[in-house]
């Protein structure tokens, strides 16, 4: 735990204390930590384990199972391309391939400048507007390959 600053340790302990009376606090604790820091590295998982008595293996299992948790820092702009069935059959694979090509990263990676993270999502519940892309929580409907470059430019310029 030598990597964590004392202020971070204190804040994580406070988050754990918030949910000490809950029967199953883990998801709430991890969610708050993810919102605060953007990711949940192993050092943080170990601290949560010490504070809650929940095993590191169980915590790691939860963090790696749910796609909204991350072990690594994400970029300023998180691009999630839905690859659920409805989106996939309407061309989502070509859309994510275009994002990958333009950004120079594969799904699950972050650009070297820290501006973009590209994620492949299983289903975002936007089947009626497939293929859907989500950037920083904003959903873009009926995405097509020719819309990818202009959308990236909006976020590069800080206009989106």
C-alpha atoms as a PDB file:
ATOM      1  CA  UNK A   1       0.000   0.000   0.000  1.00  0.00           C
ATOM      2  CA  UNK A   2       3.025   2.256  -0.240  1.00  0.00           C
ATOM      3  CA  UNK A   3       1.782   3.590  -3.593  1.00  0.00           C
ATOM      4  CA  UNK A   4      -1.339   5.259  -2.182  1.00  0.00           C
ATOM      5  CA  UNK A   5      -1.117   8.769  -0.802  1.00  0.00           C
ATOM      6  CA  UNK A   6      -2.353   9.171   2.753  1.00  0.00           C
ATOM      7  CA  UNK A   7      -5.211  11.402   1.602  1.00  0.00           C
ATOM      8  CA  UNK A   8      -6.392   8.671  -0.778  1.00  0.00           C
ATOM      9  CA  UNK A   9      -6.180   6.039   1.958  1.00  0.00           C
ATOM     10  CA  UNK A  10      -8.266   8.249   4.244  1.00  0.00           C
ATOM     11  CA  UNK A  11     -10.878   8.879   1.559  1.00  0.00           C
ATOM     12  CA  UNK A  12     -11.169   5.182   0.669  1.00  0.00           C
ATOM     13  CA  UNK A  13     -11.529   4.307   4.344  1.00  0.00           C
ATOM     14  CA  UNK A  14     -14.300   6.916   4.624  1.00  0.00           C
ATOM     15  CA  UNK A  15     -16.073   5.375   1.628  1.00  0.00           C
ATOM     16  CA  UNK A  16     -15.874   1.943   3.281  1.00  0.00           C
ATOM     17  CA  UNK A  17     -17.203   3.384   6.556  1.00  0.00           C
ATOM     18  CA  UNK A  18     -20.211   4.873   4.737  1.00  0.00           C
ATOM     19  CA  UNK A  19     -21.499   1.376   4.030  1.00  0.00           C
ATOM     20  CA  UNK A  20     -20.381  -0.471   7.189  1.00  0.00           C
ATOM     21  CA  UNK A  21     -23.998  -1.167   8.235  1.00  0.00           C
ATOM     22  CA  UNK A  22     -25.001  -2.619   4.851  1.00  0.00           C
ATOM     23  CA  UNK A  23     -25.392  -6.392   4.482  1.00  0.00           C
ATOM     24  CA  UNK A  24     -23.646  -6.414   1.093  1.00  0.00           C
ATOM     25  CA  UNK A  25     -21.611  -3.205   0.774  1.00  0.00           C
ATOM     26  CA  UNK A  26     -19.056  -4.194  -1.861  1.00  0.00           C
ATOM     27  CA  UNK A  27     -20.768  -2.897  -5.016  1.00  0.00           C
ATOM     28  CA  UNK A  28     -21.574   0.436  -3.366  1.00  0.00           C
ATOM     29  CA  UNK A  29     -18.012   0.842  -2.081  1.00  0.00           C
ATOM     30  CA  UNK A  30     -16.446  -0.046  -5.425  1.00  0.00           C
ATOM     31  CA  UNK A  31     -18.875   2.177  -7.297  1.00  0.00           C
ATOM     32  CA  UNK A  32     -18.002   5.179  -5.129  1.00  0.00           C
ATOM     33  CA  UNK A  33     -14.274   4.514  -5.512  1.00  0.00           C
ATOM     34  CA  UNK A  34     -14.643   4.163  -9.299  1.00  0.00           C
ATOM     35  CA  UNK A  35     -16.557   7.472  -9.453  1.00  0.00           C
ATOM     36  CA  UNK A  36     -13.930   9.225  -7.337  1.00  0.00           C
ATOM     37  CA  UNK A  37     -10.739   7.889  -8.935  1.00  0.00           C
ATOM     38  CA  UNK A  38     -11.810   6.456 -12.302  1.00  0.00           C
ATOM     39  CA  UNK A  39     -10.342   3.021 -11.606  1.00  0.00           C
ATOM     40  CA  UNK A  40      -9.726   0.460  -8.852  1.00  0.00           C
ATOM     41  CA  UNK A  41      -6.118  -0.793  -8.782  1.00  0.00           C
ATOM     42  CA  UNK A  42      -4.965  -3.761  -6.700  1.00  0.00           C
ATOM     43  CA  UNK A  43      -3.619  -1.531  -3.899  1.00  0.00           C
ATOM     44  CA  UNK A  44      -7.100  -0.090  -3.422  1.00  0.00           C
ATOM     45  CA  UNK A  45      -8.674  -3.544  -3.502  1.00  0.00           C
ATOM     46  CA  UNK A  46      -6.274  -4.635  -0.742  1.00  0.00           C
ATOM     47  CA  UNK A  47      -7.231  -1.608   1.356  1.00  0.00           C
ATOM     48  CA  UNK A  48     -10.951  -2.334   0.869  1.00  0.00           C
ATOM     49  CA  UNK A  49     -10.292  -5.933   1.889  1.00  0.00           C
ATOM     50  CA  UNK A  50      -8.522  -4.860   5.088  1.00  0.00           C
ATOM     51  CA  UNK A  51     -11.280  -2.401   5.932  1.00  0.00           C
ATOM     52  CA  UNK A  52     -14.257  -4.681   5.177  1.00  0.00           C
ATOM     53  CA  UNK A  53     -12.950  -8.195   5.772  1.00  0.00           C
ATOM     54  CA  UNK A  54     -13.963  -9.182   2.231  1.00  0.00           C
ATOM     55  CA  UNK A  55     -11.254 -11.241   0.531  1.00  0.00           C
ATOM     56  CA  UNK A  56      -9.120  -9.649  -2.172  1.00  0.00           C
ATOM     57  CA  UNK A  57     -10.008 -12.524  -4.534  1.00  0.00           C
ATOM     58  CA  UNK A  58     -13.727 -11.750  -4.185  1.00  0.00           C
ATOM     59  CA  UNK A  59     -13.154  -8.026  -4.698  1.00  0.00           C
ATOM     60  CA  UNK A  60     -10.939  -8.664  -7.736  1.00  0.00           C
ATOM     61  CA  UNK A  61     -13.601 -11.001  -9.130  1.00  0.00           C
ATOM     62  CA  UNK A  62     -16.245  -8.282  -8.883  1.00  0.00           C
ATOM     63  CA  UNK A  63     -13.965  -5.591 -10.367  1.00  0.00           C
ATOM     64  CA  UNK A  64     -13.038  -7.772 -13.341  1.00  0.00           C
ATOM     65  CA  UNK A  65     -16.550  -9.174 -13.896  1.00  0.00           C
ATOM     66  CA  UNK A  66     -18.393  -5.868 -14.279  1.00  0.00           C
ATOM     67  CA  UNK A  67     -17.361  -3.785 -17.277  1.00  0.00           C
ATOM     68  CA  UNK A  68     -18.063  -0.467 -15.552  1.00  0.00           C
ATOM     69  CA  UNK A  69     -15.190  -1.101 -13.132  1.00  0.00           C
ATOM     70  CA  UNK A  70     -11.626  -0.694 -14.348  1.00  0.00           C
ATOM     71  CA  UNK A  71      -8.211  -1.829 -13.101  1.00  0.00           C
ATOM     72  CA  UNK A  72      -6.448   0.882 -15.109  1.00  0.00           C
ATOM     73  CA  UNK A  73      -7.048   4.615 -15.483  1.00  0.00           C
ATOM     74  CA  UNK A  74      -9.361   5.542 -18.332  1.00  0.00           C
ATOM     75  CA  UNK A  75      -8.933   8.362 -20.801  1.00  0.00           C
ATOM     76  CA  UNK A  76     -10.603  11.751 -20.560  1.00  0.00           C
ATOM     77  CA  UNK A  77     -13.147  10.526 -23.110  1.00  0.00           C
ATOM     78  CA  UNK A  78     -14.456   6.989 -22.755  1.00  0.00           C
ATOM     79  CA  UNK A  79     -15.870   5.673 -26.030  1.00  0.00           C
ATOM     80  CA  UNK A  80     -18.099   2.653 -25.576  1.00  0.00           C
ATOM     81  CA  UNK A  81     -19.258   0.867 -28.698  1.00  0.00           C
ATOM     82  CA  UNK A  82     -22.174  -1.457 -28.146  1.00  0.00           C
ATOM     83  CA  UNK A  83     -21.634  -4.877 -29.695  1.00  0.00           C
ATOM     84  CA  UNK A  84     -24.894  -6.392 -28.487  1.00  0.00           C
ATOM     85  CA  UNK A  85     -26.881  -8.405 -31.010  1.00  0.00           C
ATOM     86  CA  UNK A  86     -29.016  -5.563 -32.414  1.00  0.00           C
ATOM     87  CA  UNK A  87     -26.032  -3.233 -32.749  1.00  0.00           C
ATOM     88  CA  UNK A  88     -23.783  -5.948 -34.128  1.00  0.00           C
ATOM     89  CA  UNK A  89     -26.145  -6.934 -36.941  1.00  0.00           C
ATOM     90  CA  UNK A  90     -26.464  -3.259 -37.912  1.00  0.00           C
ATOM     91  CA  UNK A  91     -22.714  -2.744 -38.337  1.00  0.00           C
ATOM     92  CA  UNK A  92     -21.306  -2.074 -34.864  1.00  0.00           C
ATOM     93  CA  UNK A  93     -18.166  -4.113 -35.562  1.00  0.00           C
ATOM     94  CA  UNK A  94     -17.263  -1.838 -38.471  1.00  0.00           C
ATOM     95  CA  UNK A  95     -17.924   1.206 -36.261  1.00  0.00           C
ATOM     96  CA  UNK A  96     -15.647   0.019 -33.447  1.00  0.00           C
ATOM     97  CA  UNK A  97     -13.013  -0.951 -36.019  1.00  0.00           C
ATOM     98  CA  UNK A  98     -13.117   2.617 -37.374  1.00  0.00           C
ATOM     99  CA  UNK A  99     -12.735   4.109 -33.876  1.00  0.00           C
ATOM    100  CA  UNK A 100      -9.820   1.738 -33.312  1.00  0.00           C
ATOM    101  CA  UNK A 101      -8.179   2.729 -36.596  1.00  0.00           C
ATOM    102  CA  UNK A 102      -8.518   6.484 -36.062  1.00  0.00           C
ATOM    103  CA  UNK A 103      -7.570   6.464 -32.371  1.00  0.00           C
ATOM    104  CA  UNK A 104      -4.749   3.954 -32.860  1.00  0.00           C
ATOM    105  CA  UNK A 105      -5.920   1.770 -29.976  1.00  0.00           C
ATOM    106  CA  UNK A 106      -7.746  -1.519 -29.554  1.00  0.00           C
ATOM    107  CA  UNK A 107     -10.831  -2.020 -27.382  1.00  0.00           C
ATOM    108  CA  UNK A 108      -9.794  -1.962 -23.728  1.00  0.00           C
ATOM    109  CA  UNK A 109      -6.893   0.408 -24.388  1.00  0.00           C
ATOM    110  CA  UNK A 110      -6.269   4.097 -23.733  1.00  0.00           C
ATOM    111  CA  UNK A 111      -4.529   6.423 -26.169  1.00  0.00           C
ATOM    112  CA  UNK A 112      -0.999   7.502 -25.252  1.00  0.00           C
ATOM    113  CA  UNK A 113      -2.126  11.106 -24.769  1.00  0.00           C
ATOM    114  CA  UNK A 114      -4.782   9.968 -22.276  1.00  0.00           C
ATOM    115  CA  UNK A 115      -7.573  11.534 -24.298  1.00  0.00           C
ATOM    116  CA  UNK A 116      -9.495   8.391 -25.313  1.00  0.00           C
ATOM    117  CA  UNK A 117     -10.312   4.954 -23.986  1.00  0.00           C
ATOM    118  CA  UNK A 118     -12.093   2.551 -26.338  1.00  0.00           C
ATOM    119  CA  UNK A 119     -14.404  -0.049 -24.823  1.00  0.00           C
ATOM    120  CA  UNK A 120     -16.470  -2.797 -26.418  1.00  0.00           C
ATOM    121  CA  UNK A 121     -19.780  -3.000 -24.564  1.00  0.00           C
ATOM    122  CA  UNK A 122     -22.100  -5.994 -24.611  1.00  0.00           C
ATOM    123  CA  UNK A 123     -25.449  -4.170 -24.538  1.00  0.00           C
ATOM    124  CA  UNK A 124     -26.369  -0.680 -23.454  1.00  0.00           C
ATOM    125  CA  UNK A 125     -30.118  -1.155 -23.879  1.00  0.00           C
ATOM    126  CA  UNK A 126     -30.373   1.086 -26.926  1.00  0.00           C
ATOM    127  CA  UNK A 127     -31.412  -1.606 -29.393  1.00  0.00           C
ATOM    128  CA  UNK A 128     -33.998   0.604 -31.098  1.00  0.00           C
ATOM    129  CA  UNK A 129     -31.310   3.085 -32.154  1.00  0.00           C
ATOM    130  CA  UNK A 130     -28.660   0.544 -33.139  1.00  0.00           C
ATOM    131  CA  UNK A 131     -25.785   0.713 -33.629  1.00  0.00           C
ATOM    132  CA  UNK A 132     -25.229   2.872 -30.565  1.00  0.00           C
ATOM    133  CA  UNK A 133     -22.073   4.458 -29.225  1.00  0.00           C
ATOM    134  CA  UNK A 134     -21.721   6.038 -25.802  1.00  0.00           C
ATOM    135  CA  UNK A 135     -19.116   8.686 -25.034  1.00  0.00           C
ATOM    136  CA  UNK A 136     -18.831   9.919 -21.454  1.00  0.00           C
ATOM    137  CA  UNK A 137     -22.434   8.890 -20.841  1.00  0.00           C
ATOM    138  CA  UNK A 138     -23.898  10.537 -23.973  1.00  0.00           C
ATOM    139  CA  UNK A 139     -25.470   8.054 -26.383  1.00  0.00           C
ATOM    140  CA  UNK A 140     -25.047   8.555 -30.115  1.00  0.00           C
ATOM    141  CA  UNK A 141     -27.733   6.700 -32.108  1.00  0.00           C
ATOM    142  CA  UNK A 142     -27.534   4.961 -35.466  1.00  0.00           C
ATOM    143  CA  UNK A 143     -23.762   5.348 -35.627  1.00  0.00           C
ATOM    144  CA  UNK A 144     -22.077   4.674 -38.939  1.00  0.00           C
ATOM    145  CA  UNK A 145     -18.461   4.481 -40.049  1.00  0.00           C
ATOM    146  CA  UNK A 146     -18.654   7.875 -41.775  1.00  0.00           C
ATOM    147  CA  UNK A 147     -19.800   9.567 -38.525  1.00  0.00           C
ATOM    148  CA  UNK A 148     -16.831   8.326 -36.466  1.00  0.00           C
ATOM    149  CA  UNK A 149     -14.133  10.824 -37.546  1.00  0.00           C
ATOM    150  CA  UNK A 150     -16.295  13.952 -37.095  1.00  0.00           C
ATOM    151  CA  UNK A 151     -17.409  12.702 -33.666  1.00  0.00           C
ATOM    152  CA  UNK A 152     -13.812  12.141 -32.556  1.00  0.00           C
ATOM    153  CA  UNK A 153     -12.922  15.641 -33.758  1.00  0.00           C
ATOM    154  CA  UNK A 154     -15.698  17.115 -31.588  1.00  0.00           C
ATOM    155  CA  UNK A 155     -14.141  15.528 -28.523  1.00  0.00           C
ATOM    156  CA  UNK A 156     -10.580  16.414 -29.502  1.00  0.00           C
ATOM    157  CA  UNK A 157     -11.617  20.032 -29.805  1.00  0.00           C
ATOM    158  CA  UNK A 158     -13.411  19.924 -26.462  1.00  0.00           C
ATOM    159  CA  UNK A 159     -16.695  20.928 -28.086  1.00  0.00           C
ATOM    160  CA  UNK A 160     -18.702  17.846 -27.188  1.00  0.00           C
END
